[in-house]
């Protein structure tokens, strides 16, 4: 796919492409070779029209008789989402959430890896966790530059999030995923994604409430 076209893909489409690949990998592991848009839609709980629109945006088409070739579609999504050399990430905050994140992500992607974790508590940085090296937060800038880390994942307490964000930006991080409910500010050249679990839970609670009334 043309690089200029990739830059203009909607953010929501990028999210769904990641979800499609996860579903396709599961289907492929079960021996399935082809899949229809309505099958992907059922797995992702969206419409088949949305699936077809997203896949058309990346320039791929299936056949009426067989649908989409799973291996080809996985490869194409990989070329869009991944880089040849791979991208490295780090986690800041080795508490319960940080450790859960590292443990869950381990081995999920070959072109995206968590290579370091940081904390200000010396007791949490005395050994590796899930084969991920751990360091004191004071070493963040040195390690980020040494390992070529591009993404920072914030799993610290909310009050510490702004200071950690500043440290990541200063270290040269290009993308930040903030897992705290505290909004943070970044310069224009840094991509920021914020995920608030409380907001997500309240959203679910709202729909439970409205469907119960």
N, C-alpha and C. Protein backbone atom coordinates (compact mmCIF):
# COMPACT_ATOMS: atom_id res chain seq x y z
N UNK A 1 0.84 -1.20 0.00
CA UNK A 1 0.00 0.00 0.00
C UNK A 1 0.87 1.24 0.00
N UNK A 2 0.48 2.28 -0.76
CA UNK A 2 1.21 3.53 -0.87
C UNK A 2 1.36 4.19 0.51
N UNK A 3 2.58 4.69 0.82
CA UNK A 3 2.84 5.27 2.13
C UNK A 3 2.00 6.51 2.39
N UNK A 4 1.76 7.32 1.35
CA UNK A 4 0.94 8.51 1.53
C UNK A 4 -0.49 8.16 1.89
N UNK A 5 -1.00 7.09 1.29
CA UNK A 5 -2.36 6.64 1.61
C UNK A 5 -2.43 6.10 3.03
N UNK A 6 -1.36 5.42 3.46
CA UNK A 6 -1.33 4.88 4.83
C UNK A 6 -1.43 5.99 5.87
N UNK A 7 -0.75 7.11 5.60
CA UNK A 7 -0.75 8.23 6.54
C UNK A 7 -2.14 8.79 6.76
N UNK A 8 -3.01 8.62 5.76
CA UNK A 8 -4.34 9.21 5.84
C UNK A 8 -5.42 8.20 6.24
N UNK A 9 -5.02 7.01 6.64
CA UNK A 9 -6.01 6.04 7.12
C UNK A 9 -6.62 6.57 8.43
N UNK A 10 -7.94 6.51 8.58
CA UNK A 10 -8.59 6.95 9.83
C UNK A 10 -8.06 6.18 11.04
N UNK A 11 -7.97 6.87 12.16
CA UNK A 11 -7.47 6.24 13.38
C UNK A 11 -8.31 5.02 13.77
N UNK A 12 -9.62 5.12 13.62
CA UNK A 12 -10.50 4.01 13.97
C UNK A 12 -10.26 2.81 13.05
N UNK A 13 -9.93 3.08 11.79
CA UNK A 13 -9.62 1.99 10.87
C UNK A 13 -8.36 1.26 11.31
N UNK A 14 -7.35 2.01 11.76
CA UNK A 14 -6.11 1.41 12.26
C UNK A 14 -6.42 0.50 13.45
N UNK A 15 -7.27 0.97 14.36
CA UNK A 15 -7.66 0.15 15.51
C UNK A 15 -8.31 -1.15 15.06
N UNK A 16 -9.24 -1.02 14.10
CA UNK A 16 -9.96 -2.22 13.64
C UNK A 16 -9.04 -3.16 12.88
N UNK A 17 -8.07 -2.64 12.13
CA UNK A 17 -7.13 -3.51 11.42
C UNK A 17 -6.36 -4.38 12.41
N UNK A 18 -5.96 -3.81 13.53
CA UNK A 18 -5.28 -4.58 14.57
C UNK A 18 -6.20 -5.68 15.09
N UNK A 19 -7.47 -5.34 15.30
CA UNK A 19 -8.44 -6.32 15.79
C UNK A 19 -8.70 -7.40 14.74
N UNK A 20 -8.77 -6.98 13.45
CA UNK A 20 -8.98 -7.96 12.38
C UNK A 20 -7.82 -8.96 12.35
N UNK A 21 -6.60 -8.43 12.46
CA UNK A 21 -5.44 -9.33 12.40
C UNK A 21 -5.47 -10.34 13.54
N UNK A 22 -5.84 -9.88 14.74
CA UNK A 22 -5.92 -10.80 15.89
C UNK A 22 -6.93 -11.91 15.61
N UNK A 23 -8.08 -11.54 15.04
CA UNK A 23 -9.11 -12.53 14.72
C UNK A 23 -8.64 -13.46 13.61
N UNK A 24 -7.99 -12.90 12.60
CA UNK A 24 -7.51 -13.69 11.47
C UNK A 24 -6.44 -14.69 11.90
N UNK A 25 -5.56 -14.27 12.80
CA UNK A 25 -4.52 -15.17 13.30
C UNK A 25 -5.13 -16.36 14.03
N UNK A 26 -6.19 -16.13 14.79
CA UNK A 26 -6.87 -17.21 15.49
C UNK A 26 -7.52 -18.18 14.49
N UNK A 27 -8.16 -17.62 13.47
CA UNK A 27 -8.80 -18.46 12.44
C UNK A 27 -7.75 -19.26 11.67
N UNK A 28 -6.63 -18.62 11.38
CA UNK A 28 -5.55 -19.30 10.65
C UNK A 28 -4.97 -20.44 11.47
N UNK A 29 -4.83 -20.21 12.77
CA UNK A 29 -4.30 -21.25 13.66
C UNK A 29 -5.22 -22.45 13.73
N UNK A 30 -6.50 -22.24 13.45
CA UNK A 30 -7.48 -23.33 13.46
C UNK A 30 -7.60 -24.02 12.10
N UNK A 31 -6.74 -23.60 11.14
CA UNK A 31 -6.71 -24.25 9.85
C UNK A 31 -7.59 -23.62 8.78
N UNK A 32 -8.23 -22.51 9.09
CA UNK A 32 -9.10 -21.84 8.13
C UNK A 32 -8.26 -21.06 7.13
N UNK A 33 -8.60 -21.13 5.83
CA UNK A 33 -7.80 -20.47 4.80
C UNK A 33 -8.48 -19.23 4.23
N UNK A 34 -9.80 -19.18 4.24
CA UNK A 34 -10.53 -18.04 3.70
C UNK A 34 -11.63 -17.61 4.69
N UNK A 35 -12.04 -16.36 4.57
CA UNK A 35 -13.06 -15.84 5.48
C UNK A 35 -13.87 -14.75 4.79
N UNK A 36 -15.13 -14.67 5.10
CA UNK A 36 -16.01 -13.65 4.53
C UNK A 36 -16.11 -12.46 5.50
N UNK A 37 -16.51 -11.33 4.95
CA UNK A 37 -16.61 -10.11 5.76
C UNK A 37 -17.61 -10.28 6.91
N UNK A 38 -18.70 -11.01 6.65
CA UNK A 38 -19.69 -11.17 7.72
C UNK A 38 -19.16 -12.05 8.86
N UNK A 39 -18.19 -12.93 8.55
CA UNK A 39 -17.59 -13.75 9.60
C UNK A 39 -16.68 -12.90 10.50
N UNK A 40 -15.89 -12.02 9.86
CA UNK A 40 -15.04 -11.11 10.63
C UNK A 40 -15.91 -10.19 11.47
N UNK A 41 -17.00 -9.70 10.86
CA UNK A 41 -17.90 -8.78 11.55
C UNK A 41 -18.51 -9.43 12.79
N UNK A 42 -18.85 -10.69 12.68
CA UNK A 42 -19.46 -11.39 13.81
C UNK A 42 -18.47 -11.51 14.97
N UNK A 43 -17.21 -11.78 14.64
CA UNK A 43 -16.17 -11.91 15.67
C UNK A 43 -15.95 -10.57 16.37
N UNK A 44 -15.95 -9.49 15.58
CA UNK A 44 -15.64 -8.16 16.11
C UNK A 44 -16.87 -7.39 16.59
N UNK A 45 -18.05 -7.96 16.41
CA UNK A 45 -19.30 -7.31 16.84
C UNK A 45 -19.52 -5.96 16.14
N UNK A 46 -19.25 -5.95 14.84
CA UNK A 46 -19.52 -4.77 14.02
C UNK A 46 -20.25 -5.23 12.77
N UNK A 47 -20.50 -4.32 11.83
CA UNK A 47 -21.23 -4.69 10.63
C UNK A 47 -20.27 -5.17 9.53
N UNK A 48 -20.79 -6.02 8.65
CA UNK A 48 -19.99 -6.50 7.52
C UNK A 48 -19.65 -5.35 6.58
N UNK A 49 -20.54 -4.37 6.50
CA UNK A 49 -20.28 -3.18 5.67
C UNK A 49 -19.03 -2.46 6.16
N UNK A 50 -18.89 -2.31 7.46
CA UNK A 50 -17.71 -1.65 8.03
C UNK A 50 -16.44 -2.43 7.72
N UNK A 51 -16.51 -3.74 7.84
CA UNK A 51 -15.34 -4.58 7.53
C UNK A 51 -14.93 -4.39 6.07
N UNK A 52 -15.91 -4.43 5.16
CA UNK A 52 -15.59 -4.29 3.74
C UNK A 52 -15.01 -2.91 3.43
N UNK A 53 -15.54 -1.87 4.07
CA UNK A 53 -15.00 -0.52 3.87
C UNK A 53 -13.55 -0.42 4.30
N UNK A 54 -13.26 -0.96 5.48
CA UNK A 54 -11.88 -0.91 6.00
C UNK A 54 -10.92 -1.65 5.08
N UNK A 55 -11.32 -2.83 4.64
CA UNK A 55 -10.43 -3.64 3.81
C UNK A 55 -10.27 -3.04 2.41
N UNK A 56 -11.32 -2.40 1.91
CA UNK A 56 -11.20 -1.69 0.63
C UNK A 56 -10.24 -0.51 0.75
N UNK A 57 -10.25 0.15 1.92
CA UNK A 57 -9.35 1.29 2.13
C UNK A 57 -7.88 0.90 2.01
N UNK A 58 -7.56 -0.34 2.39
CA UNK A 58 -6.16 -0.78 2.30
C UNK A 58 -5.87 -1.48 0.97
N UNK A 59 -6.84 -1.43 0.06
CA UNK A 59 -6.61 -1.91 -1.30
C UNK A 59 -6.67 -3.40 -1.49
N UNK A 60 -7.44 -4.08 -0.66
CA UNK A 60 -7.53 -5.54 -0.81
C UNK A 60 -8.97 -5.93 -1.12
N UNK A 61 -9.11 -6.93 -1.97
CA UNK A 61 -10.45 -7.45 -2.31
C UNK A 61 -10.44 -8.97 -2.24
N UNK A 62 -11.58 -9.53 -1.88
CA UNK A 62 -11.72 -10.97 -1.84
C UNK A 62 -12.48 -11.45 -3.06
N UNK A 63 -13.02 -12.65 -2.99
CA UNK A 63 -13.82 -13.19 -4.08
C UNK A 63 -15.21 -13.53 -3.54
N UNK A 64 -16.19 -13.49 -4.43
CA UNK A 64 -17.57 -13.79 -4.01
C UNK A 64 -17.69 -15.22 -3.52
N UNK A 65 -16.90 -16.12 -4.10
CA UNK A 65 -17.03 -17.55 -3.79
C UNK A 65 -16.31 -17.93 -2.50
N UNK A 66 -15.12 -17.36 -2.27
CA UNK A 66 -14.32 -17.77 -1.11
C UNK A 66 -14.14 -16.69 -0.05
N UNK A 67 -14.37 -15.45 -0.39
CA UNK A 67 -14.13 -14.37 0.55
C UNK A 67 -12.67 -13.93 0.52
N UNK A 68 -12.13 -13.56 1.67
CA UNK A 68 -10.75 -13.08 1.75
C UNK A 68 -9.78 -14.22 2.05
N UNK A 69 -8.62 -14.18 1.39
CA UNK A 69 -7.55 -15.12 1.70
C UNK A 69 -6.91 -14.69 3.02
N UNK A 70 -6.99 -15.51 4.03
CA UNK A 70 -6.56 -15.12 5.38
C UNK A 70 -5.06 -14.82 5.44
N UNK A 71 -4.24 -15.67 4.83
CA UNK A 71 -2.79 -15.45 4.87
C UNK A 71 -2.43 -14.14 4.19
N UNK A 72 -3.04 -13.87 3.03
CA UNK A 72 -2.75 -12.64 2.30
C UNK A 72 -3.17 -11.41 3.09
N UNK A 73 -4.33 -11.49 3.73
CA UNK A 73 -4.84 -10.34 4.48
C UNK A 73 -4.00 -10.09 5.73
N UNK A 74 -3.58 -11.16 6.40
CA UNK A 74 -2.69 -11.01 7.56
C UNK A 74 -1.39 -10.33 7.14
N UNK A 75 -0.83 -10.77 6.01
CA UNK A 75 0.43 -10.21 5.51
C UNK A 75 0.28 -8.73 5.16
N UNK A 76 -0.84 -8.39 4.51
CA UNK A 76 -1.06 -7.00 4.12
C UNK A 76 -1.22 -6.10 5.35
N UNK A 77 -2.01 -6.54 6.31
CA UNK A 77 -2.19 -5.75 7.54
C UNK A 77 -0.85 -5.60 8.26
N UNK A 78 -0.03 -6.65 8.22
CA UNK A 78 1.30 -6.59 8.82
C UNK A 78 2.17 -5.54 8.16
N UNK A 79 2.09 -5.44 6.83
CA UNK A 79 2.90 -4.44 6.12
C UNK A 79 2.45 -3.02 6.46
N UNK A 80 1.19 -2.87 6.80
CA UNK A 80 0.66 -1.55 7.15
C UNK A 80 0.99 -1.19 8.60
N UNK A 81 0.79 -2.11 9.52
CA UNK A 81 0.95 -1.82 10.94
C UNK A 81 2.39 -1.95 11.43
N UNK A 82 3.16 -2.85 10.83
CA UNK A 82 4.50 -3.15 11.32
C UNK A 82 5.58 -2.42 10.53
N UNK A 83 6.80 -2.48 11.03
CA UNK A 83 7.97 -2.00 10.31
C UNK A 83 8.93 -3.17 10.12
N UNK A 84 9.79 -3.08 9.11
CA UNK A 84 10.73 -4.18 8.83
C UNK A 84 11.66 -4.42 10.01
N UNK A 85 12.13 -3.33 10.61
CA UNK A 85 13.10 -3.47 11.71
C UNK A 85 12.44 -3.66 13.07
N UNK A 86 11.13 -3.44 13.15
CA UNK A 86 10.43 -3.59 14.41
C UNK A 86 10.48 -2.31 15.24
N UNK A 87 9.55 -2.18 16.16
CA UNK A 87 9.48 -1.01 17.04
C UNK A 87 9.54 -1.47 18.49
N UNK A 88 10.33 -0.76 19.30
CA UNK A 88 10.54 -1.13 20.69
C UNK A 88 9.76 -0.19 21.62
N UNK A 89 9.23 -0.77 22.69
CA UNK A 89 8.45 0.00 23.67
C UNK A 89 8.98 -0.26 25.07
N UNK A 90 8.61 0.64 25.98
CA UNK A 90 8.96 0.45 27.39
C UNK A 90 7.74 0.75 28.25
N UNK A 91 7.72 0.17 29.43
CA UNK A 91 6.65 0.40 30.40
C UNK A 91 7.25 1.19 31.57
N UNK A 92 6.54 2.25 31.97
CA UNK A 92 6.97 3.01 33.14
C UNK A 92 5.95 2.79 34.25
N UNK A 93 6.38 2.11 35.30
CA UNK A 93 5.50 1.73 36.40
C UNK A 93 5.39 0.22 36.48
N UNK A 94 6.15 -0.40 37.39
CA UNK A 94 6.17 -1.86 37.49
C UNK A 94 5.28 -2.31 38.65
N UNK A 95 4.08 -1.73 38.71
CA UNK A 95 3.09 -2.17 39.69
C UNK A 95 2.27 -3.30 39.10
N UNK A 96 1.09 -3.54 39.67
CA UNK A 96 0.24 -4.63 39.18
C UNK A 96 -0.14 -4.46 37.71
N UNK A 97 -0.53 -3.22 37.32
CA UNK A 97 -0.94 -2.97 35.94
C UNK A 97 0.23 -3.11 34.98
N UNK A 98 1.37 -2.54 35.35
CA UNK A 98 2.55 -2.63 34.49
C UNK A 98 2.99 -4.06 34.27
N UNK A 99 3.03 -4.85 35.34
CA UNK A 99 3.44 -6.25 35.21
C UNK A 99 2.43 -7.04 34.39
N UNK A 100 1.14 -6.76 34.60
CA UNK A 100 0.11 -7.45 33.82
C UNK A 100 0.24 -7.13 32.34
N UNK A 101 0.53 -5.88 32.03
CA UNK A 101 0.69 -5.46 30.64
C UNK A 101 1.86 -6.19 29.99
N UNK A 102 2.99 -6.22 30.68
CA UNK A 102 4.18 -6.89 30.14
C UNK A 102 3.92 -8.37 29.94
N UNK A 103 3.31 -8.99 30.94
CA UNK A 103 3.04 -10.43 30.88
C UNK A 103 2.07 -10.77 29.75
N UNK A 104 1.03 -9.95 29.59
CA UNK A 104 0.04 -10.22 28.54
C UNK A 104 0.63 -10.04 27.15
N UNK A 105 1.46 -9.01 26.97
CA UNK A 105 1.97 -8.68 25.64
C UNK A 105 3.10 -9.61 25.18
N UNK A 106 3.72 -10.29 26.12
CA UNK A 106 4.88 -11.12 25.80
C UNK A 106 4.58 -12.11 24.68
N UNK A 107 5.37 -12.01 23.59
CA UNK A 107 5.25 -12.95 22.48
C UNK A 107 4.06 -12.75 21.56
N UNK A 108 3.28 -11.68 21.79
CA UNK A 108 2.08 -11.48 20.96
C UNK A 108 2.43 -10.97 19.56
N UNK A 109 3.48 -10.18 19.43
CA UNK A 109 3.87 -9.60 18.15
C UNK A 109 5.38 -9.69 17.97
N UNK A 110 5.81 -10.01 16.75
CA UNK A 110 7.24 -10.12 16.48
C UNK A 110 7.86 -8.77 16.13
N UNK A 111 7.06 -7.84 15.62
CA UNK A 111 7.58 -6.55 15.18
C UNK A 111 7.32 -5.43 16.18
N UNK A 112 6.78 -5.76 17.32
CA UNK A 112 6.52 -4.77 18.37
C UNK A 112 6.80 -5.44 19.71
N UNK A 113 7.79 -4.92 20.43
CA UNK A 113 8.21 -5.61 21.64
C UNK A 113 8.47 -4.63 22.79
N UNK A 114 8.20 -5.09 24.01
CA UNK A 114 8.51 -4.32 25.21
C UNK A 114 9.88 -4.78 25.68
N UNK A 115 10.85 -3.87 25.63
CA UNK A 115 12.24 -4.26 25.91
C UNK A 115 12.77 -3.72 27.23
N UNK A 116 11.99 -2.89 27.92
CA UNK A 116 12.45 -2.34 29.19
C UNK A 116 11.27 -1.88 30.03
N UNK A 117 11.48 -1.87 31.35
CA UNK A 117 10.47 -1.36 32.27
C UNK A 117 11.17 -0.53 33.34
N UNK A 118 10.48 0.52 33.80
CA UNK A 118 11.09 1.46 34.74
C UNK A 118 10.19 1.69 35.95
N UNK A 119 10.83 1.98 37.10
CA UNK A 119 10.08 2.30 38.30
C UNK A 119 10.99 3.12 39.22
N UNK A 120 10.38 3.88 40.13
CA UNK A 120 11.19 4.65 41.08
C UNK A 120 11.42 3.90 42.38
N UNK A 121 10.86 2.69 42.48
CA UNK A 121 11.04 1.86 43.67
C UNK A 121 12.17 0.86 43.42
N UNK A 122 13.30 1.00 44.12
CA UNK A 122 14.45 0.10 43.90
C UNK A 122 14.11 -1.38 44.08
N UNK A 123 13.12 -1.66 44.92
CA UNK A 123 12.75 -3.05 45.17
C UNK A 123 12.09 -3.72 43.96
N UNK A 124 11.63 -2.92 43.02
CA UNK A 124 10.95 -3.46 41.84
C UNK A 124 11.87 -3.59 40.62
N UNK A 125 13.12 -3.14 40.76
CA UNK A 125 14.02 -3.16 39.61
C UNK A 125 15.26 -4.01 39.84
N UNK A 126 15.17 -4.96 40.77
CA UNK A 126 16.33 -5.77 41.11
C UNK A 126 16.51 -6.96 40.17
N UNK A 127 15.50 -7.28 39.36
CA UNK A 127 15.64 -8.41 38.45
C UNK A 127 14.71 -8.23 37.25
N UNK A 128 14.93 -9.06 36.23
CA UNK A 128 14.08 -9.00 35.04
C UNK A 128 12.68 -9.49 35.37
N UNK A 129 11.71 -9.02 34.60
CA UNK A 129 10.35 -9.51 34.74
C UNK A 129 9.87 -9.99 33.38
N UNK A 130 9.54 -11.28 33.28
CA UNK A 130 9.09 -11.88 32.00
C UNK A 130 10.10 -11.60 30.89
N UNK A 131 11.39 -11.74 31.20
CA UNK A 131 12.47 -11.51 30.24
C UNK A 131 12.55 -10.06 29.77
N UNK A 132 11.95 -9.16 30.53
CA UNK A 132 12.04 -7.72 30.23
C UNK A 132 12.95 -7.08 31.28
N UNK A 133 13.99 -6.39 30.83
CA UNK A 133 14.92 -5.75 31.76
C UNK A 133 14.23 -4.62 32.51
N UNK A 134 14.52 -4.50 33.80
CA UNK A 134 13.93 -3.45 34.62
C UNK A 134 15.02 -2.48 35.09
N UNK A 135 14.65 -1.20 35.16
CA UNK A 135 15.61 -0.15 35.51
C UNK A 135 14.94 0.90 36.41
N UNK A 136 15.78 1.62 37.14
CA UNK A 136 15.27 2.76 37.91
C UNK A 136 14.90 3.87 36.94
N UNK A 137 13.89 4.65 37.30
CA UNK A 137 13.39 5.71 36.42
C UNK A 137 14.48 6.72 36.07
N UNK A 138 15.48 6.86 36.93
CA UNK A 138 16.57 7.80 36.66
C UNK A 138 17.39 7.40 35.44
N UNK A 139 17.30 6.13 35.04
CA UNK A 139 18.05 5.66 33.88
C UNK A 139 17.24 5.70 32.59
N UNK A 140 16.03 6.24 32.66
CA UNK A 140 15.12 6.18 31.51
C UNK A 140 15.73 6.77 30.24
N UNK A 141 16.23 7.99 30.30
CA UNK A 141 16.75 8.65 29.09
C UNK A 141 17.90 7.85 28.47
N UNK A 142 18.81 7.36 29.32
CA UNK A 142 19.96 6.61 28.81
C UNK A 142 19.52 5.31 28.14
N UNK A 143 18.61 4.58 28.78
CA UNK A 143 18.18 3.29 28.25
C UNK A 143 17.34 3.47 26.97
N UNK A 144 16.48 4.48 26.96
CA UNK A 144 15.65 4.73 25.78
C UNK A 144 16.53 4.97 24.56
N UNK A 145 17.57 5.77 24.73
CA UNK A 145 18.47 6.08 23.61
C UNK A 145 19.35 4.87 23.27
N UNK A 146 19.81 4.15 24.29
CA UNK A 146 20.68 3.00 24.07
C UNK A 146 19.96 1.89 23.32
N UNK A 147 18.70 1.64 23.68
CA UNK A 147 17.95 0.54 23.07
C UNK A 147 17.12 0.97 21.85
N UNK A 148 17.06 2.26 21.57
CA UNK A 148 16.28 2.73 20.45
C UNK A 148 14.78 2.57 20.67
N UNK A 149 14.32 2.90 21.86
CA UNK A 149 12.90 2.75 22.21
C UNK A 149 12.11 3.93 21.67
N UNK A 150 10.96 3.65 21.04
CA UNK A 150 10.14 4.70 20.43
C UNK A 150 8.83 4.95 21.15
N UNK A 151 8.36 3.96 21.93
CA UNK A 151 7.04 4.06 22.55
C UNK A 151 7.15 3.91 24.06
N UNK A 152 6.43 4.77 24.78
CA UNK A 152 6.39 4.69 26.23
C UNK A 152 4.98 4.39 26.70
N UNK A 153 4.84 3.41 27.59
CA UNK A 153 3.53 3.02 28.14
C UNK A 153 3.51 3.41 29.61
N UNK A 154 2.60 4.30 29.97
CA UNK A 154 2.55 4.83 31.34
C UNK A 154 1.55 4.06 32.18
N UNK A 155 2.04 3.40 33.23
CA UNK A 155 1.17 2.65 34.14
C UNK A 155 1.47 3.03 35.59
N UNK A 156 1.83 4.29 35.80
CA UNK A 156 2.14 4.78 37.14
C UNK A 156 0.87 5.31 37.79
N UNK A 157 1.00 5.86 39.00
CA UNK A 157 -0.14 6.49 39.66
C UNK A 157 -0.52 7.76 38.89
N UNK A 158 -1.79 8.17 38.91
CA UNK A 158 -2.22 9.34 38.14
C UNK A 158 -1.41 10.60 38.41
N UNK A 159 -1.09 10.85 39.68
CA UNK A 159 -0.36 12.08 40.02
C UNK A 159 1.06 12.10 39.45
N UNK A 160 1.60 10.92 39.15
CA UNK A 160 2.96 10.86 38.60
C UNK A 160 2.98 10.92 37.07
N UNK A 161 1.83 10.80 36.43
CA UNK A 161 1.76 10.72 34.97
C UNK A 161 2.37 11.93 34.26
N UNK A 162 2.07 13.17 34.66
CA UNK A 162 2.65 14.32 33.95
C UNK A 162 4.17 14.35 33.98
N UNK A 163 4.76 14.05 35.16
CA UNK A 163 6.22 14.05 35.26
C UNK A 163 6.83 12.95 34.41
N UNK A 164 6.22 11.77 34.42
CA UNK A 164 6.72 10.66 33.59
C UNK A 164 6.62 11.02 32.11
N UNK A 165 5.54 11.66 31.73
CA UNK A 165 5.37 12.09 30.33
C UNK A 165 6.51 13.02 29.92
N UNK A 166 6.83 13.97 30.77
CA UNK A 166 7.93 14.90 30.48
C UNK A 166 9.24 14.15 30.30
N UNK A 167 9.49 13.17 31.15
CA UNK A 167 10.72 12.40 31.05
C UNK A 167 10.78 11.62 29.73
N UNK A 168 9.65 11.03 29.34
CA UNK A 168 9.60 10.26 28.09
C UNK A 168 9.84 11.16 26.88
N UNK A 169 9.19 12.32 26.88
CA UNK A 169 9.37 13.26 25.76
C UNK A 169 10.82 13.71 25.68
N UNK A 170 11.40 14.05 26.83
CA UNK A 170 12.80 14.50 26.88
C UNK A 170 13.74 13.41 26.38
N UNK A 171 13.38 12.15 26.64
CA UNK A 171 14.24 11.03 26.22
C UNK A 171 14.15 10.76 24.72
N UNK A 172 13.16 11.36 24.05
CA UNK A 172 13.04 11.17 22.60
C UNK A 172 11.96 10.20 22.17
N UNK A 173 11.07 9.84 23.10
CA UNK A 173 9.97 8.95 22.77
C UNK A 173 9.06 9.60 21.73
N UNK A 174 8.57 8.80 20.77
CA UNK A 174 7.74 9.35 19.69
C UNK A 174 6.25 9.06 19.85
N UNK A 175 5.92 8.10 20.72
CA UNK A 175 4.52 7.75 20.94
C UNK A 175 4.31 7.34 22.39
N UNK A 176 3.19 7.77 22.97
CA UNK A 176 2.90 7.47 24.37
C UNK A 176 1.51 6.89 24.51
N UNK A 177 1.41 5.80 25.27
CA UNK A 177 0.12 5.21 25.64
C UNK A 177 -0.06 5.44 27.14
N UNK A 178 -1.02 6.28 27.49
CA UNK A 178 -1.24 6.65 28.87
C UNK A 178 -2.38 5.82 29.45
N UNK A 179 -2.06 4.96 30.41
CA UNK A 179 -3.05 4.09 31.02
C UNK A 179 -3.56 4.64 32.34
N UNK A 180 -3.32 5.91 32.61
CA UNK A 180 -3.82 6.51 33.84
C UNK A 180 -5.02 7.41 33.51
N UNK A 181 -5.87 7.70 34.50
CA UNK A 181 -7.01 8.60 34.26
C UNK A 181 -6.61 10.08 34.22
N UNK A 182 -5.32 10.35 34.40
CA UNK A 182 -4.83 11.73 34.41
C UNK A 182 -4.44 12.15 32.99
N UNK A 183 -5.13 13.14 32.39
CA UNK A 183 -4.76 13.61 31.05
C UNK A 183 -3.36 14.23 31.08
N UNK A 184 -2.60 14.00 30.04
CA UNK A 184 -1.25 14.57 29.96
C UNK A 184 -1.11 15.34 28.65
N UNK A 185 -0.11 16.21 28.61
CA UNK A 185 0.14 17.02 27.42
C UNK A 185 1.46 16.62 26.78
N UNK A 186 1.48 16.57 25.45
CA UNK A 186 2.70 16.23 24.71
C UNK A 186 2.86 17.21 23.56
N UNK A 187 4.09 17.41 23.08
CA UNK A 187 4.29 18.28 21.91
C UNK A 187 3.71 17.64 20.66
N UNK A 188 3.57 18.43 19.62
CA UNK A 188 2.90 18.00 18.38
C UNK A 188 3.58 16.79 17.73
N UNK A 189 4.88 16.64 17.91
CA UNK A 189 5.59 15.57 17.22
C UNK A 189 5.47 14.21 17.94
N UNK A 190 4.81 14.20 19.11
CA UNK A 190 4.63 12.95 19.86
C UNK A 190 3.16 12.53 19.76
N UNK A 191 2.94 11.27 19.35
CA UNK A 191 1.57 10.77 19.27
C UNK A 191 1.13 10.27 20.64
N UNK A 192 -0.06 10.70 21.05
CA UNK A 192 -0.58 10.33 22.37
C UNK A 192 -1.89 9.57 22.26
N UNK A 193 -1.95 8.43 22.95
CA UNK A 193 -3.18 7.66 23.06
C UNK A 193 -3.46 7.50 24.55
N UNK A 194 -4.67 7.89 24.97
CA UNK A 194 -5.01 7.80 26.39
C UNK A 194 -6.15 6.82 26.59
N UNK A 195 -5.93 5.89 27.52
CA UNK A 195 -6.95 4.88 27.80
C UNK A 195 -7.33 4.96 29.27
N UNK A 196 -8.56 5.33 29.52
CA UNK A 196 -9.05 5.47 30.89
C UNK A 196 -10.01 4.32 31.19
N UNK A 197 -9.60 3.39 32.05
CA UNK A 197 -10.42 2.23 32.37
C UNK A 197 -11.71 2.61 33.08
N UNK A 198 -11.68 3.70 33.85
CA UNK A 198 -12.90 4.14 34.54
C UNK A 198 -13.94 4.59 33.52
N UNK A 199 -13.50 5.36 32.54
CA UNK A 199 -14.42 5.83 31.49
C UNK A 199 -15.00 4.64 30.73
N UNK A 200 -14.18 3.67 30.41
CA UNK A 200 -14.66 2.49 29.69
C UNK A 200 -15.68 1.72 30.50
N UNK A 201 -15.41 1.58 31.81
CA UNK A 201 -16.34 0.87 32.68
C UNK A 201 -17.65 1.64 32.82
N UNK A 202 -17.57 2.96 32.92
CA UNK A 202 -18.78 3.77 33.01
C UNK A 202 -19.60 3.70 31.73
N UNK A 203 -18.92 3.58 30.60
CA UNK A 203 -19.61 3.42 29.32
C UNK A 203 -20.41 2.12 29.31
N UNK A 204 -19.78 1.03 29.76
CA UNK A 204 -20.47 -0.26 29.84
C UNK A 204 -21.64 -0.16 30.81
N UNK A 205 -21.42 0.50 31.95
CA UNK A 205 -22.46 0.64 32.96
C UNK A 205 -23.66 1.41 32.42
N UNK A 206 -23.38 2.43 31.59
CA UNK A 206 -24.46 3.22 31.00
C UNK A 206 -25.36 2.35 30.12
N UNK A 207 -24.72 1.52 29.29
CA UNK A 207 -25.52 0.68 28.39
C UNK A 207 -26.25 -0.43 29.16
N UNK A 208 -25.65 -0.91 30.24
CA UNK A 208 -26.35 -1.88 31.08
C UNK A 208 -27.58 -1.22 31.70
N UNK A 209 -27.40 0.02 32.16
CA UNK A 209 -28.51 0.77 32.76
C UNK A 209 -29.63 1.00 31.77
N UNK A 210 -29.29 1.48 30.56
CA UNK A 210 -30.33 1.82 29.58
C UNK A 210 -31.06 0.58 29.07
N UNK A 211 -30.35 -0.55 28.99
CA UNK A 211 -30.99 -1.78 28.53
C UNK A 211 -31.82 -2.44 29.63
N UNK A 212 -31.58 -2.02 30.87
CA UNK A 212 -32.32 -2.61 32.00
C UNK A 212 -33.61 -1.85 32.30
N UNK A 213 -33.66 -0.60 31.82
CA UNK A 213 -34.82 0.25 32.12
C UNK A 213 -36.00 -0.07 31.21
